[in-house]
């Protein structure tokens, strides 16, 4: 059964291209490079966010409530109808992130959200996660609203595999042709050379990481990819 459940804190930092290269070198003394990032390679994460016609989900999110949730469809690169993707519900409560996702065929997911007819349970799905997603889908009139993708470099702790650092760049968005099968392109969300570094941890960050942040005078930055795109293209247009 394909299921991934994450319960963790996520802290973001905005950094420059120069700082990325310095940090990557320092981090590799304490961390292992993710299998997708071997030999310095990046991998593409592609998302379709679902929202209501009046943007209820993202409007609630940027109001910074104590509890918020989002639904998205995620793949690693462009997919076809019969490729497996992840259908995810991401919840955040008082700064603590709970992400639950299940594998599903791309065409199954698209048809499911459009029709609200839950697919028959397959061996690659998880029924519990699907039930949680089903409740969310039935609560809102959802449609595919935003395509958002980026290139990622990732590492995980040598001693604590639950501690991860990701670097995202070339964040691309579009509100036309919103689909994981429509190509990996879009308008750049941030200026070239700007990165989003994110520390993901199930418990407290290692002491060495706190010292590293202090040495670079790095401080957390409140940043939402979807929220930033919404403010720029919808709220402030």
Protein backbone atom coordinates (compact mmCIF):
# COMPACT_ATOMS: atom_id res chain seq x y z
CA UNK A 1 0.00 0.00 0.00
CA UNK A 2 1.45 3.33 -1.04
CA UNK A 3 1.10 5.88 1.73
CA UNK A 4 3.26 8.56 3.21
CA UNK A 5 2.40 10.41 6.40
CA UNK A 6 4.42 13.37 7.65
CA UNK A 7 4.12 15.09 11.03
CA UNK A 8 6.71 17.80 11.43
CA UNK A 9 7.68 21.42 11.82
CA UNK A 10 8.69 23.26 8.64
CA UNK A 11 10.75 26.45 8.79
CA UNK A 12 11.56 28.48 5.66
CA UNK A 13 14.41 30.84 4.80
CA UNK A 14 14.90 32.99 1.72
CA UNK A 15 18.48 32.91 0.49
CA UNK A 16 20.63 34.01 -2.44
CA UNK A 17 22.30 31.88 -5.06
CA UNK A 18 25.70 32.53 -3.49
CA UNK A 19 24.45 31.49 -0.07
CA UNK A 20 22.94 28.30 -1.46
CA UNK A 21 26.33 27.11 -2.71
CA UNK A 22 28.02 27.93 0.60
CA UNK A 23 25.32 26.25 2.67
CA UNK A 24 25.25 23.16 0.50
CA UNK A 25 28.95 22.63 1.11
CA UNK A 26 28.58 23.11 4.87
CA UNK A 27 25.50 20.91 5.15
CA UNK A 28 27.11 17.96 3.43
CA UNK A 29 29.41 17.58 6.44
CA UNK A 30 26.35 16.61 8.49
CA UNK A 31 23.83 15.40 5.94
CA UNK A 32 23.40 12.92 3.11
CA UNK A 33 22.27 14.01 -0.32
CA UNK A 34 18.83 12.69 -1.24
CA UNK A 35 18.85 9.91 -3.83
CA UNK A 36 17.15 12.24 -6.34
CA UNK A 37 19.91 14.85 -5.89
CA UNK A 38 22.99 12.67 -6.34
CA UNK A 39 25.83 14.24 -8.34
CA UNK A 40 24.43 17.70 -7.63
CA UNK A 41 21.31 17.10 -9.68
CA UNK A 42 17.93 18.75 -9.13
CA UNK A 43 14.55 17.16 -9.57
CA UNK A 44 11.25 18.75 -10.52
CA UNK A 45 8.25 18.71 -8.21
CA UNK A 46 4.97 19.55 -9.95
CA UNK A 47 1.74 20.43 -8.16
CA UNK A 48 -1.85 21.25 -8.99
CA UNK A 49 -3.63 23.12 -6.20
CA UNK A 50 -7.39 22.83 -5.89
CA UNK A 51 -9.55 25.69 -4.70
CA UNK A 52 -13.05 27.12 -4.97
CA UNK A 53 -14.08 29.64 -7.66
CA UNK A 54 -13.78 32.45 -5.10
CA UNK A 55 -10.42 31.19 -3.74
CA UNK A 56 -11.77 30.20 -0.33
CA UNK A 57 -8.91 27.85 0.56
CA UNK A 58 -6.02 30.20 -0.13
CA UNK A 59 -7.84 33.23 1.27
CA UNK A 60 -8.28 31.42 4.56
CA UNK A 61 -4.66 30.32 4.50
CA UNK A 62 -3.14 33.78 4.07
CA UNK A 63 -5.26 35.09 6.95
CA UNK A 64 -2.90 33.00 9.13
CA UNK A 65 -5.49 31.07 11.15
CA UNK A 66 -4.36 28.61 13.81
CA UNK A 67 -5.62 25.78 11.55
CA UNK A 68 -5.54 25.59 7.77
CA UNK A 69 -5.61 22.92 5.08
CA UNK A 70 -4.92 22.54 1.36
CA UNK A 71 -5.50 19.88 -1.26
CA UNK A 72 -3.04 19.26 -4.09
CA UNK A 73 -2.06 16.71 -6.66
CA UNK A 74 1.69 16.11 -6.91
CA UNK A 75 4.03 14.41 -9.36
CA UNK A 76 7.74 14.30 -10.02
CA UNK A 77 7.87 15.56 -13.58
CA UNK A 78 5.21 15.54 -16.32
CA UNK A 79 2.89 12.52 -16.24
CA UNK A 80 0.32 10.73 -18.37
CA UNK A 81 -3.14 9.47 -17.47
CA UNK A 82 -1.95 6.04 -16.29
CA UNK A 83 1.00 7.28 -14.27
CA UNK A 84 0.81 7.25 -10.49
CA UNK A 85 0.76 10.57 -8.68
CA UNK A 86 0.15 11.64 -5.10
CA UNK A 87 -3.13 13.10 -3.88
CA UNK A 88 -2.29 15.04 -0.73
CA UNK A 89 -4.10 16.86 2.00
CA UNK A 90 -1.83 19.18 3.96
CA UNK A 91 -2.94 20.53 7.32
CA UNK A 92 -1.18 23.04 9.56
CA UNK A 93 -2.10 23.68 13.17
CA UNK A 94 -0.17 26.15 15.31
CA UNK A 95 2.90 25.76 13.14
CA UNK A 96 2.86 21.95 13.10
CA UNK A 97 2.41 20.34 9.68
CA UNK A 98 0.53 17.12 9.02
CA UNK A 99 0.68 15.86 5.46
CA UNK A 100 -1.17 12.74 4.38
CA UNK A 101 -1.01 11.43 0.86
CA UNK A 102 -1.86 8.36 -1.15
CA UNK A 103 -0.82 7.07 -4.54
CA UNK A 104 -3.46 7.22 -7.24
CA UNK A 105 -3.47 7.12 -11.03
CA UNK A 106 -3.48 10.58 -12.56
CA UNK A 107 -6.73 10.03 -14.46
CA UNK A 108 -8.37 8.57 -11.34
CA UNK A 109 -7.49 11.65 -9.31
CA UNK A 110 -8.64 14.13 -11.94
CA UNK A 111 -11.94 12.32 -12.46
CA UNK A 112 -12.48 11.87 -8.73
CA UNK A 113 -12.15 15.53 -7.83
CA UNK A 114 -14.26 16.63 -10.81
CA UNK A 115 -17.10 14.16 -10.15
CA UNK A 116 -16.75 13.66 -6.36
CA UNK A 117 -17.19 9.93 -7.02
CA UNK A 118 -14.59 8.23 -4.87
CA UNK A 119 -12.71 5.55 -6.84
CA UNK A 120 -12.81 1.92 -5.81
CA UNK A 121 -9.99 1.14 -3.39
CA UNK A 122 -6.93 -0.32 -5.13
CA UNK A 123 -3.90 -1.99 -3.59
CA UNK A 124 -1.78 1.13 -4.20
CA UNK A 125 -4.22 3.42 -2.37
CA UNK A 126 -4.82 3.98 1.33
CA UNK A 127 -8.44 3.91 2.39
CA UNK A 128 -8.04 6.03 5.51
CA UNK A 129 -6.29 8.85 3.68
CA UNK A 130 -8.79 8.62 0.85
CA UNK A 131 -11.66 9.01 3.33
CA UNK A 132 -10.06 12.15 4.78
CA UNK A 133 -9.62 13.59 1.30
CA UNK A 134 -13.16 12.61 0.38
CA UNK A 135 -14.54 14.65 3.28
CA UNK A 136 -12.53 17.67 2.14
CA UNK A 137 -13.61 17.30 -1.48
CA UNK A 138 -17.28 17.12 -0.54
CA UNK A 139 -17.01 20.15 1.74
CA UNK A 140 -15.94 22.56 -1.04
CA UNK A 141 -16.75 23.07 -4.76
CA UNK A 142 -13.17 22.45 -5.84
CA UNK A 143 -11.50 22.77 -9.21
CA UNK A 144 -7.90 22.81 -10.50
CA UNK A 145 -6.78 26.38 -9.82
CA UNK A 146 -3.01 26.67 -9.98
CA UNK A 147 -0.11 24.75 -11.49
CA UNK A 148 3.07 25.27 -9.47
CA UNK A 149 6.40 23.56 -9.96
CA UNK A 150 10.01 24.03 -8.90
CA UNK A 151 13.43 22.46 -8.99
CA UNK A 152 14.63 20.92 -5.73
CA UNK A 153 17.89 19.89 -4.12
CA UNK A 154 17.42 17.88 -0.93
CA UNK A 155 19.42 16.41 1.94
CA UNK A 156 18.62 14.39 5.06
CA UNK A 157 20.44 14.03 8.38
CA UNK A 158 23.10 11.35 8.72
CA UNK A 159 22.04 10.60 12.29
CA UNK A 160 18.44 11.82 12.21
CA UNK A 161 16.81 10.84 8.91
CA UNK A 162 13.70 12.75 9.95
CA UNK A 163 15.63 16.00 9.66
CA UNK A 164 15.60 17.26 6.07
CA UNK A 165 16.75 20.37 4.26
CA UNK A 166 15.37 21.28 0.85
CA UNK A 167 16.35 24.05 -1.55
CA UNK A 168 13.75 25.12 -4.12
CA UNK A 169 14.44 27.39 -7.08
CA UNK A 170 12.92 28.33 -10.46
CA UNK A 171 9.39 28.32 -9.01
CA UNK A 172 7.02 28.30 -11.98
CA UNK A 173 3.28 29.00 -11.93
CA UNK A 174 0.39 29.22 -14.35
CA UNK A 175 -3.40 29.47 -14.19
CA UNK A 176 -4.00 28.26 -17.73
CA UNK A 177 -3.60 24.64 -18.84
CA UNK A 178 -3.65 23.61 -15.18
CA UNK A 179 -2.67 19.95 -15.18
CA UNK A 180 0.27 17.68 -14.41
CA UNK A 181 0.09 16.34 -17.97
CA UNK A 182 0.23 19.74 -19.69
CA UNK A 183 3.98 20.40 -19.50
CA UNK A 184 6.37 21.75 -16.89
CA UNK A 185 6.37 25.48 -17.57
CA UNK A 186 5.07 28.75 -16.17
CA UNK A 187 5.95 32.27 -15.09
CA UNK A 188 8.75 32.67 -12.55
CA UNK A 189 7.38 33.49 -9.11
CA UNK A 190 10.63 34.93 -7.71
CA UNK A 191 13.60 36.76 -9.19
CA UNK A 192 16.39 34.59 -10.63
CA UNK A 193 18.92 33.64 -7.98
CA UNK A 194 16.42 33.57 -5.10
CA UNK A 195 16.00 30.27 -3.26
CA UNK A 196 13.64 28.93 -0.64
CA UNK A 197 15.47 26.84 1.93
CA UNK A 198 13.24 24.76 4.18
CA UNK A 199 14.15 22.83 7.31
CA UNK A 200 11.76 19.96 8.02
CA UNK A 201 12.01 18.29 11.41
CA UNK A 202 10.04 15.84 13.54
CA UNK A 203 11.71 17.10 16.70
CA UNK A 204 14.14 19.88 17.65
CA UNK A 205 16.73 20.93 15.08
CA UNK A 206 20.28 19.66 15.70
CA UNK A 207 22.58 21.98 17.64
CA UNK A 208 25.02 22.12 14.72
CA UNK A 209 22.23 23.45 12.47
CA UNK A 210 21.34 26.24 14.91
CA UNK A 211 25.02 27.23 15.02
CA UNK A 212 25.20 27.18 11.22
CA UNK A 213 22.18 29.49 10.95
CA UNK A 214 23.74 31.85 13.49
CA UNK A 215 27.02 31.94 11.61
CA UNK A 216 25.20 33.06 8.45
CA UNK A 217 22.81 35.33 10.37
CA UNK A 218 19.87 33.51 8.80
CA UNK A 219 16.37 34.05 10.20
CA UNK A 220 13.06 32.36 9.35
CA UNK A 221 10.89 33.91 6.66
CA UNK A 222 7.15 33.46 6.36
CA UNK A 223 6.64 32.40 2.76
CA UNK A 224 3.95 30.45 0.94
CA UNK A 225 4.43 29.62 -2.74
CA UNK A 226 0.69 29.42 -3.40
CA UNK A 227 -0.05 32.40 -1.16
CA UNK A 228 2.57 34.57 -2.86
CA UNK A 229 1.22 33.71 -6.32
CA UNK A 230 -2.36 34.45 -5.24
CA UNK A 231 -1.48 37.84 -3.78
CA UNK A 232 0.43 38.80 -6.91
CA UNK A 233 -1.94 37.59 -9.62
CA UNK A 234 -5.39 37.74 -8.02
CA UNK A 235 -5.46 39.90 -4.91
CA UNK A 236 -3.29 42.77 -6.16
CA UNK A 237 -4.00 42.76 -9.88
